[in-house]
PDB file of N, CA and C in Angstrom:
ATOM      1  N   MET A   1     127.465 160.933  67.131  1.00  0.00           N
ATOM      2  CA  MET A   1     126.374 160.516  67.972  1.00  0.00           C
ATOM      3  C   MET A   1     125.672 161.722  68.602  1.00  0.00           C
ATOM      4  N   SER A   2     126.467 162.722  68.986  1.00  0.00           N
ATOM      5  CA  SER A   2     125.845 163.908  69.594  1.00  0.00           C
ATOM      6  C   SER A   2     125.003 164.670  68.576  1.00  0.00           C
ATOM      7  N   THR A   3     125.371 164.589  67.305  1.00  0.00           N
ATOM      8  CA  THR A   3     124.573 165.249  66.274  1.00  0.00           C
ATOM      9  C   THR A   3     123.181 164.634  66.191  1.00  0.00           C
ATOM     10  N   ILE A   4     123.111 163.336  66.304  1.00  0.00           N
ATOM     11  CA  ILE A   4     121.808 162.662  66.275  1.00  0.00           C
ATOM     12  C   ILE A   4     120.985 163.060  67.492  1.00  0.00           C
ATOM     13  N   GLY A   5     121.618 163.060  68.657  1.00  0.00           N
ATOM     14  CA  GLY A   5     120.912 163.437  69.875  1.00  0.00           C
ATOM     15  C   GLY A   5     120.418 164.869  69.844  1.00  0.00           C
ATOM     16  N   LEU A   6     121.257 165.784  69.369  1.00  0.00           N
ATOM     17  CA  LEU A   6     120.842 167.185  69.285  1.00  0.00           C
ATOM     18  C   LEU A   6     119.756 167.386  68.238  1.00  0.00           C
ATOM     19  N   SER A   7     119.791 166.602  67.171  1.00  0.00           N
ATOM     20  CA  SER A   7     118.731 166.694  66.162  1.00  0.00           C
ATOM     21  C   SER A   7     117.394 166.236  66.728  1.00  0.00           C
ATOM     22  N   ILE A   8     117.416 165.151  67.468  1.00  0.00           N
ATOM     23  CA  ILE A   8     116.178 164.671  68.093  1.00  0.00           C
ATOM     24  C   ILE A   8     115.678 165.679  69.119  1.00  0.00           C
ATOM     25  N   MET A   9     116.591 166.246  69.900  1.00  0.00           N
ATOM     26  CA  MET A   9     116.196 167.246  70.887  1.00  0.00           C
ATOM     27  C   MET A   9     115.590 168.470  70.208  1.00  0.00           C
ATOM     28  N   GLY A  10     116.133 168.864  69.078  1.00  0.00           N
ATOM     29  CA  GLY A  10     115.570 169.983  68.329  1.00  0.00           C
ATOM     30  C   GLY A  10     114.179 169.695  67.808  1.00  0.00           C
ATOM     31  N   MET A  11     113.962 168.463  67.348  1.00  0.00           N
ATOM     32  CA  MET A  11     112.626 168.098  66.870  1.00  0.00           C
ATOM     33  C   MET A  11     111.607 168.085  68.002  1.00  0.00           C
ATOM     34  N   VAL A  12     112.051 167.747  69.200  1.00  0.00           N
ATOM     35  CA  VAL A  12     111.135 167.710  70.347  1.00  0.00           C
ATOM     36  C   VAL A  12     110.832 169.119  70.842  1.00  0.00           C
ATOM     37  N   TYR A  13     111.850 169.951  70.972  1.00  0.00           N
ATOM     38  CA  TYR A  13     111.665 171.264  71.586  1.00  0.00           C
ATOM     39  C   TYR A  13     111.222 172.353  70.618  1.00  0.00           C
ATOM     40  N   SER A  14     111.380 172.168  69.323  1.00  0.00           N
ATOM     41  CA  SER A  14     111.022 173.244  68.386  1.00  0.00           C
ATOM     42  C   SER A  14     109.536 173.581  68.376  1.00  0.00           C
ATOM     43  N   PRO A  15     108.607 172.629  68.404  1.00  0.00           N
ATOM     44  CA  PRO A  15     107.190 173.018  68.428  1.00  0.00           C
ATOM     45  C   PRO A  15     106.664 173.332  69.826  1.00  0.00           C
ATOM     46  N   LEU A  16     107.491 173.183  70.844  1.00  0.00           N
ATOM     47  CA  LEU A  16     107.025 173.317  72.218  1.00  0.00           C
ATOM     48  C   LEU A  16     106.502 174.713  72.526  1.00  0.00           C
ATOM     49  N   GLY A  17     107.165 175.742  72.047  1.00  0.00           N
ATOM     50  CA  GLY A  17     106.713 177.106  72.308  1.00  0.00           C
ATOM     51  C   GLY A  17     105.340 177.386  71.734  1.00  0.00           C
ATOM     52  N   ALA A  18     105.098 176.933  70.528  1.00  0.00           N
ATOM     53  CA  ALA A  18     103.792 177.162  69.898  1.00  0.00           C
ATOM     54  C   ALA A  18     102.694 176.352  70.567  1.00  0.00           C
ATOM     55  N   VAL A  19     103.004 175.120  70.930  1.00  0.00           N
ATOM     56  CA  VAL A  19     101.992 174.264  71.548  1.00  0.00           C
ATOM     57  C   VAL A  19     101.638 174.759  72.945  1.00  0.00           C
ATOM     58  N   LEU A  20     102.621 175.216  73.704  1.00  0.00           N
ATOM     59  CA  LEU A  20     102.338 175.704  75.055  1.00  0.00           C
ATOM     60  C   LEU A  20     101.642 177.054  75.052  1.00  0.00           C
ATOM     61  N   ALA A  21     101.941 177.894  74.087  1.00  0.00           N
ATOM     62  CA  ALA A  21     101.369 179.244  74.073  1.00  0.00           C
ATOM     63  C   ALA A  21      99.983 179.297  73.453  1.00  0.00           C
ATOM     64  N   SER A  22      99.666 178.372  72.588  1.00  0.00           N
ATOM     65  CA  SER A  22      98.423 178.466  71.819  1.00  0.00           C
ATOM     66  C   SER A  22      97.129 178.406  72.629  1.00  0.00           C
ATOM     67  N   PRO A  23      97.026 177.687  73.742  1.00  0.00           N
ATOM     68  CA  PRO A  23      95.736 177.658  74.454  1.00  0.00           C
ATOM     69  C   PRO A  23      95.386 178.949  75.190  1.00  0.00           C
ATOM     70  N   TYR A  24      96.310 179.881  75.301  1.00  0.00           N
ATOM     71  CA  TYR A  24      96.081 181.085  76.104  1.00  0.00           C
ATOM     72  C   TYR A  24      95.741 182.283  75.230  1.00  0.00           C
ATOM     73  N   PRO A  25      94.919 183.205  75.737  1.00  0.00           N
ATOM     74  CA  PRO A  25      94.659 184.444  74.999  1.00  0.00           C
ATOM     75  C   PRO A  25      95.941 185.271  74.886  1.00  0.00           C
ATOM     76  N   THR A  26      95.969 186.150  73.915  1.00  0.00           N
ATOM     77  CA  THR A  26      97.178 186.916  73.631  1.00  0.00           C
ATOM     78  C   THR A  26      97.654 187.728  74.828  1.00  0.00           C
ATOM     79  N   ALA A  27      96.747 188.258  75.616  1.00  0.00           N
ATOM     80  CA  ALA A  27      97.123 189.124  76.738  1.00  0.00           C
ATOM     81  C   ALA A  27      97.924 188.384  77.809  1.00  0.00           C
ATOM     82  N   ILE A  28      97.692 187.097  77.976  1.00  0.00           N
ATOM     83  CA  ILE A  28      98.404 186.347  79.016  1.00  0.00           C
ATOM     84  C   ILE A  28      99.203 185.183  78.441  1.00  0.00           C
ATOM     85  N   ARG A  29      99.460 185.206  77.164  1.00  0.00           N
ATOM     86  CA  ARG A  29     100.096 184.070  76.492  1.00  0.00           C
ATOM     87  C   ARG A  29     101.483 183.754  77.044  1.00  0.00           C
ATOM     88  N   TYR A  30     102.311 184.760  77.241  1.00  0.00           N
ATOM     89  CA  TYR A  30     103.671 184.508  77.719  1.00  0.00           C
ATOM     90  C   TYR A  30     103.653 183.994  79.155  1.00  0.00           C
ATOM     91  N   THR A  31     102.831 184.607  79.998  1.00  0.00           N
ATOM     92  CA  THR A  31     102.732 184.172  81.392  1.00  0.00           C
ATOM     93  C   THR A  31     102.179 182.755  81.484  1.00  0.00           C
ATOM     94  N   GLY A  32     101.131 182.468  80.736  1.00  0.00           N
ATOM     95  CA  GLY A  32     100.532 181.134  80.773  1.00  0.00           C
ATOM     96  C   GLY A  32     101.481 180.049  80.309  1.00  0.00           C
ATOM     97  N   SER A  33     102.185 180.306  79.217  1.00  0.00           N
ATOM     98  CA  SER A  33     103.107 179.285  78.721  1.00  0.00           C
ATOM     99  C   SER A  33     104.313 179.128  79.648  1.00  0.00           C
ATOM    100  N   SER A  34     104.768 180.219  80.251  1.00  0.00           N
ATOM    101  CA  SER A  34     105.895 180.126  81.187  1.00  0.00           C
ATOM    102  C   SER A  34     105.525 179.340  82.430  1.00  0.00           C
ATOM    103  N   ILE A  35     104.356 179.637  82.987  1.00  0.00           N
ATOM    104  CA  ILE A  35     103.920 178.905  84.178  1.00  0.00           C
ATOM    105  C   ILE A  35     103.705 177.431  83.851  1.00  0.00           C
ATOM    106  N   THR A  36     103.103 177.153  82.705  1.00  0.00           N
ATOM    107  CA  THR A  36     102.876 175.765  82.298  1.00  0.00           C
ATOM    108  C   THR A  36     104.185 175.003  82.164  1.00  0.00           C
ATOM    109  N   PHE A  37     105.142 175.590  81.465  1.00  0.00           N
ATOM    110  CA  PHE A  37     106.423 174.926  81.229  1.00  0.00           C
ATOM    111  C   PHE A  37     107.181 174.702  82.538  1.00  0.00           C
ATOM    112  N   ASN A  38     107.230 175.729  83.381  1.00  0.00           N
ATOM    113  CA  ASN A  38     108.012 175.620  84.612  1.00  0.00           C
ATOM    114  C   ASN A  38     107.364 174.706  85.648  1.00  0.00           C
ATOM    115  N   LEU A  39     106.050 174.752  85.788  1.00  0.00           N
ATOM    116  CA  LEU A  39     105.395 173.843  86.731  1.00  0.00           C
ATOM    117  C   LEU A  39     105.506 172.392  86.274  1.00  0.00           C
ATOM    118  N   ALA A  40     105.399 172.169  84.977  1.00  0.00           N
ATOM    119  CA  ALA A  40     105.576 170.809  84.463  1.00  0.00           C
ATOM    120  C   ALA A  40     106.999 170.319  84.713  1.00  0.00           C
ATOM    121  N   GLY A  41     107.965 171.207  84.551  1.00  0.00           N
ATOM    122  CA  GLY A  41     109.347 170.829  84.833  1.00  0.00           C
ATOM    123  C   GLY A  41     109.586 170.539  86.296  1.00  0.00           C
ATOM    124  N   ILE A  42     108.989 171.349  87.162  1.00  0.00           N
ATOM    125  CA  ILE A  42     109.162 171.136  88.600  1.00  0.00           C
ATOM    126  C   ILE A  42     108.532 169.815  89.021  1.00  0.00           C
ATOM    127  N   VAL A  43     107.291 169.604  88.624  1.00  0.00           N
ATOM    128  CA  VAL A  43     106.591 168.383  89.038  1.00  0.00           C
ATOM    129  C   VAL A  43     107.221 167.151  88.394  1.00  0.00           C
ATOM    130  N   GLY A  44     107.457 167.215  87.091  1.00  0.00           N
ATOM    131  CA  GLY A  44     107.997 166.051  86.393  1.00  0.00           C
ATOM    132  C   GLY A  44     109.432 165.738  86.759  1.00  0.00           C
ATOM    133  N   ALA A  45     110.269 166.753  86.790  1.00  0.00           N
ATOM    134  CA  ALA A  45     111.688 166.512  87.035  1.00  0.00           C
ATOM    135  C   ALA A  45     112.002 166.264  88.502  1.00  0.00           C
ATOM    136  N   SER A  46     111.226 166.848  89.397  1.00  0.00           N
ATOM    137  CA  SER A  46     111.548 166.652  90.812  1.00  0.00           C
ATOM    138  C   SER A  46     111.041 165.318  91.340  1.00  0.00           C
ATOM    139  N   LEU A  47     109.963 164.817  90.798  1.00  0.00           N
ATOM    140  CA  LEU A  47     109.423 163.550  91.286  1.00  0.00           C
ATOM    141  C   LEU A  47     110.035 162.329  90.608  1.00  0.00           C
ATOM    142  N   ALA A  48     110.559 162.482  89.418  1.00  0.00           N
ATOM    143  CA  ALA A  48     111.066 161.336  88.659  1.00  0.00           C
ATOM    144  C   ALA A  48     112.166 160.559  89.381  1.00  0.00           C
ATOM    145  N   PRO A  49     113.166 161.196  89.988  1.00  0.00           N
ATOM    146  CA  PRO A  49     114.189 160.399  90.681  1.00  0.00           C
ATOM    147  C   PRO A  49     113.642 159.608  91.867  1.00  0.00           C
ATOM    148  N   TYR A  50     112.697 160.199  92.592  1.00  0.00           N
ATOM    149  CA  TYR A  50     112.119 159.500  93.739  1.00  0.00           C
ATOM    150  C   TYR A  50     111.271 158.309  93.292  1.00  0.00           C
ATOM    151  N   ILE A  51     110.536 158.502  92.229  1.00  0.00           N
ATOM    152  CA  ILE A  51     109.733 157.397  91.695  1.00  0.00           C
ATOM    153  C   ILE A  51     110.644 156.286  91.173  1.00  0.00           C
ATOM    154  N   ALA A  52     111.709 156.670  90.474  1.00  0.00           N
ATOM    155  CA  ALA A  52     112.646 155.669  89.953  1.00  0.00           C
ATOM    156  C   ALA A  52     113.329 154.912  91.089  1.00  0.00           C
ATOM    157  N   GLU A  53     113.701 155.622  92.141  1.00  0.00           N
ATOM    158  CA  GLU A  53     114.329 154.954  93.280  1.00  0.00           C
ATOM    159  C   GLU A  53     113.358 153.976  93.951  1.00  0.00           C
ATOM    160  N   HIS A  54     112.124 154.385  94.089  1.00  0.00           N
ATOM    161  CA  HIS A  54     111.109 153.503  94.678  1.00  0.00           C
ATOM    162  C   HIS A  54     110.906 152.252  93.815  1.00  0.00           C
ATOM    163  N   LEU A  55     110.870 152.441  92.510  1.00  0.00           N
ATOM    164  CA  LEU A  55     110.684 151.299  91.611  1.00  0.00           C
ATOM    165  C   LEU A  55     111.857 150.332  91.685  1.00  0.00           C
ATOM    166  N   VAL A  56     113.072 150.855  91.797  1.00  0.00           N
ATOM    167  CA  VAL A  56     114.247 149.986  91.875  1.00  0.00           C
ATOM    168  C   VAL A  56     114.270 149.230  93.200  1.00  0.00           C
ATOM    169  N   GLN A  57     113.887 149.905  94.288  1.00  0.00           N
ATOM    170  CA  GLN A  57     113.922 149.248  95.597  1.00  0.00           C
ATOM    171  C   GLN A  57     112.860 148.159  95.732  1.00  0.00           C
ATOM    172  N   HIS A  58     111.703 148.364  95.142  1.00  0.00           N
ATOM    173  CA  HIS A  58     110.603 147.423  95.342  1.00  0.00           C
ATOM    174  C   HIS A  58     110.367 146.480  94.160  1.00  0.00           C
ATOM    175  N   PHE A  59     110.895 146.814  93.005  1.00  0.00           N
ATOM    176  CA  PHE A  59     110.677 146.003  91.813  1.00  0.00           C
ATOM    177  C   PHE A  59     112.003 145.835  91.089  1.00  0.00           C
ATOM    178  N   ASP A  60     111.934 145.474  89.834  1.00  0.00           N
ATOM    179  CA  ASP A  60     113.115 145.299  88.993  1.00  0.00           C
ATOM    180  C   ASP A  60     113.456 146.626  88.315  1.00  0.00           C
ATOM    181  N   THR A  61     114.678 146.746  87.819  1.00  0.00           N
ATOM    182  CA  THR A  61     115.075 147.985  87.144  1.00  0.00           C
ATOM    183  C   THR A  61     114.315 148.210  85.843  1.00  0.00           C
ATOM    184  N   SER A  62     113.745 147.167  85.282  1.00  0.00           N
ATOM    185  CA  SER A  62     112.987 147.338  84.041  1.00  0.00           C
ATOM    186  C   SER A  62     111.733 148.182  84.253  1.00  0.00           C
ATOM    187  N   TYR A  63     111.279 148.306  85.489  1.00  0.00           N
ATOM    188  CA  TYR A  63     110.089 149.109  85.767  1.00  0.00           C
ATOM    189  C   TYR A  63     110.343 150.601  85.562  1.00  0.00           C
ATOM    190  N   ILE A  64     111.593 151.014  85.582  1.00  0.00           N
ATOM    191  CA  ILE A  64     111.906 152.411  85.261  1.00  0.00           C
ATOM    192  C   ILE A  64     111.552 152.685  83.806  1.00  0.00           C
ATOM    193  N   GLY A  65     111.856 151.739  82.940  1.00  0.00           N
ATOM    194  CA  GLY A  65     111.471 151.875  81.537  1.00  0.00           C
ATOM    195  C   GLY A  65     109.970 151.906  81.354  1.00  0.00           C
ATOM    196  N   TYR A  66     109.262 151.090  82.119  1.00  0.00           N
ATOM    197  CA  TYR A  66     107.796 151.111  82.058  1.00  0.00           C
ATOM    198  C   TYR A  66     107.250 152.450  82.538  1.00  0.00           C
ATOM    199  N   TYR A  67     107.884 153.003  83.565  1.00  0.00           N
ATOM    200  CA  TYR A  67     107.474 154.317  84.076  1.00  0.00           C
ATOM    201  C   TYR A  67     107.674 155.397  83.005  1.00  0.00           C
ATOM    202  N   LEU A  68     108.808 155.373  82.336  1.00  0.00           N
ATOM    203  CA  LEU A  68     109.066 156.345  81.271  1.00  0.00           C
ATOM    204  C   LEU A  68     108.109 156.147  80.102  1.00  0.00           C
ATOM    205  N   LEU A  69     107.806 154.902  79.787  1.00  0.00           N
ATOM    206  CA  LEU A  69     106.852 154.613  78.722  1.00  0.00           C
ATOM    207  C   LEU A  69     105.464 155.134  79.076  1.00  0.00           C
ATOM    208  N   LEU A  70     105.052 154.961  80.318  1.00  0.00           N
ATOM    209  CA  LEU A  70     103.757 155.468  80.765  1.00  0.00           C
ATOM    210  C   LEU A  70     103.715 156.995  80.709  1.00  0.00           C
ATOM    211  N   ALA A  71     104.790 157.642  81.145  1.00  0.00           N
ATOM    212  CA  ALA A  71     104.838 159.107  81.092  1.00  0.00           C
ATOM    213  C   ALA A  71     104.793 159.602  79.648  1.00  0.00           C
ATOM    214  N   SER A  72     105.473 158.911  78.753  1.00  0.00           N
ATOM    215  CA  SER A  72     105.444 159.288  77.339  1.00  0.00           C
ATOM    216  C   SER A  72     104.060 159.092  76.743  1.00  0.00           C
ATOM    217  N   PHE A  73     103.398 158.019  77.122  1.00  0.00           N
ATOM    218  CA  PHE A  73     102.052 157.748  76.619  1.00  0.00           C
ATOM    219  C   PHE A  73     101.059 158.802  77.110  1.00  0.00           C
ATOM    220  N   ILE A  74     101.170 159.197  78.373  1.00  0.00           N
ATOM    221  CA  ILE A  74     100.300 160.248  78.909  1.00  0.00           C
ATOM    222  C   ILE A  74     100.555 161.565  78.181  1.00  0.00           C
ATOM    223  N   SER A  75     101.816 161.875  77.915  1.00  0.00           N
ATOM    224  CA  SER A  75     102.144 163.092  77.167  1.00  0.00           C
ATOM    225  C   SER A  75     101.565 163.052  75.758  1.00  0.00           C
ATOM    226  N   LEU A  76     101.643 161.895  75.120  1.00  0.00           N
ATOM    227  CA  LEU A  76     101.083 161.748  73.780  1.00  0.00           C
ATOM    228  C   LEU A  76      99.571 161.929  73.793  1.00  0.00           C
ATOM    229  N   LEU A  77      98.898 161.360  74.790  1.00  0.00           N
ATOM    230  CA  LEU A  77      97.447 161.536  74.898  1.00  0.00           C
ATOM    231  C   LEU A  77      97.073 163.002  75.102  1.00  0.00           C
ATOM    232  N   CYS A  78      97.838 163.706  75.906  1.00  0.00           N
ATOM    233  CA  CYS A  78      97.561 165.129  76.125  1.00  0.00           C
ATOM    234  C   CYS A  78      97.770 165.926  74.843  1.00  0.00           C
ATOM    235  N   PHE A  79      98.811 165.599  74.098  1.00  0.00           N
ATOM    236  CA  PHE A  79      99.080 166.319  72.854  1.00  0.00           C
ATOM    237  C   PHE A  79      98.012 166.025  71.809  1.00  0.00           C
ATOM    238  N   VAL A  80      97.594 164.782  71.706  1.00  0.00           N
ATOM    239  CA  VAL A  80      96.562 164.407  70.741  1.00  0.00           C
ATOM    240  C   VAL A  80      95.223 165.013  71.141  1.00  0.00           C
ATOM    241  N   GLY A  81      95.022 165.246  72.426  1.00  0.00           N
ATOM    242  CA  GLY A  81      93.778 165.820  72.914  1.00  0.00           C
ATOM    243  C   GLY A  81      93.564 167.270  72.535  1.00  0.00           C
ATOM    244  N   PHE A  82      94.617 167.962  72.096  1.00  0.00           N
ATOM    245  CA  PHE A  82      94.455 169.339  71.638  1.00  0.00           C
ATOM    246  C   PHE A  82      93.620 169.358  70.366  1.00  0.00           C
ATOM    247  N   THR A  83      92.703 170.294  70.278  1.00  0.00           N
ATOM    248  CA  THR A  83      91.963 170.466  69.033  1.00  0.00           C
ATOM    249  C   THR A  83      92.722 171.436  68.144  1.00  0.00           C
ATOM    250  N   ASP A  84      92.361 171.483  66.874  1.00  0.00           N
ATOM    251  CA  ASP A  84      93.026 172.402  65.958  1.00  0.00           C
ATOM    252  C   ASP A  84      92.814 173.850  66.373  1.00  0.00           C
ATOM    253  N   ASP A  85      91.665 174.165  66.932  1.00  0.00           N
ATOM    254  CA  ASP A  85      91.410 175.533  67.375  1.00  0.00           C
ATOM    255  C   ASP A  85      92.337 175.933  68.509  1.00  0.00           C
ATOM    256  N   GLU A  86      92.627 175.014  69.414  1.00  0.00           N
ATOM    257  CA  GLU A  86      93.503 175.329  70.530  1.00  0.00           C
ATOM    258  C   GLU A  86      94.936 175.538  70.077  1.00  0.00           C
ATOM    259  N   ILE A  87      95.384 174.783  69.088  1.00  0.00           N
ATOM    260  CA  ILE A  87      96.763 174.896  68.635  1.00  0.00           C
ATOM    261  C   ILE A  87      96.948 176.085  67.699  1.00  0.00           C
ATOM    262  N   SER A  88      96.007 176.356  66.829  1.00  0.00           N
ATOM    263  CA  SER A  88      96.188 177.413  65.833  1.00  0.00           C
ATOM    264  C   SER A  88      95.657 178.762  66.282  1.00  0.00           C
ATOM    265  N   ASN A  89      95.082 178.869  67.455  1.00  0.00           N
ATOM    266  CA  ASN A  89      94.498 180.125  67.928  1.00  0.00           C
ATOM    267  C   ASN A  89      95.547 181.180  68.146  1.00  0.00           C
TER     268      ASN A  89
END
């Protein structure tokens, strides 16, 4: 089971470096991708438990799944919004 999980995690994280670095010019590429990755982690990971707790207290536990689905959909829209020039630059 862990092999399946690690394989999925590898498929998710393997293109992440290229996708995060591609919108930035070469001179600031490492700094831009690092700031992007870390700020997204801070905002996303720090707020998620509080949002989940609020959803459980005021609604049903199934709303946590809806919250994760919404976050995944927003991420998909952002990824699809990249143009080929932004990714391959």
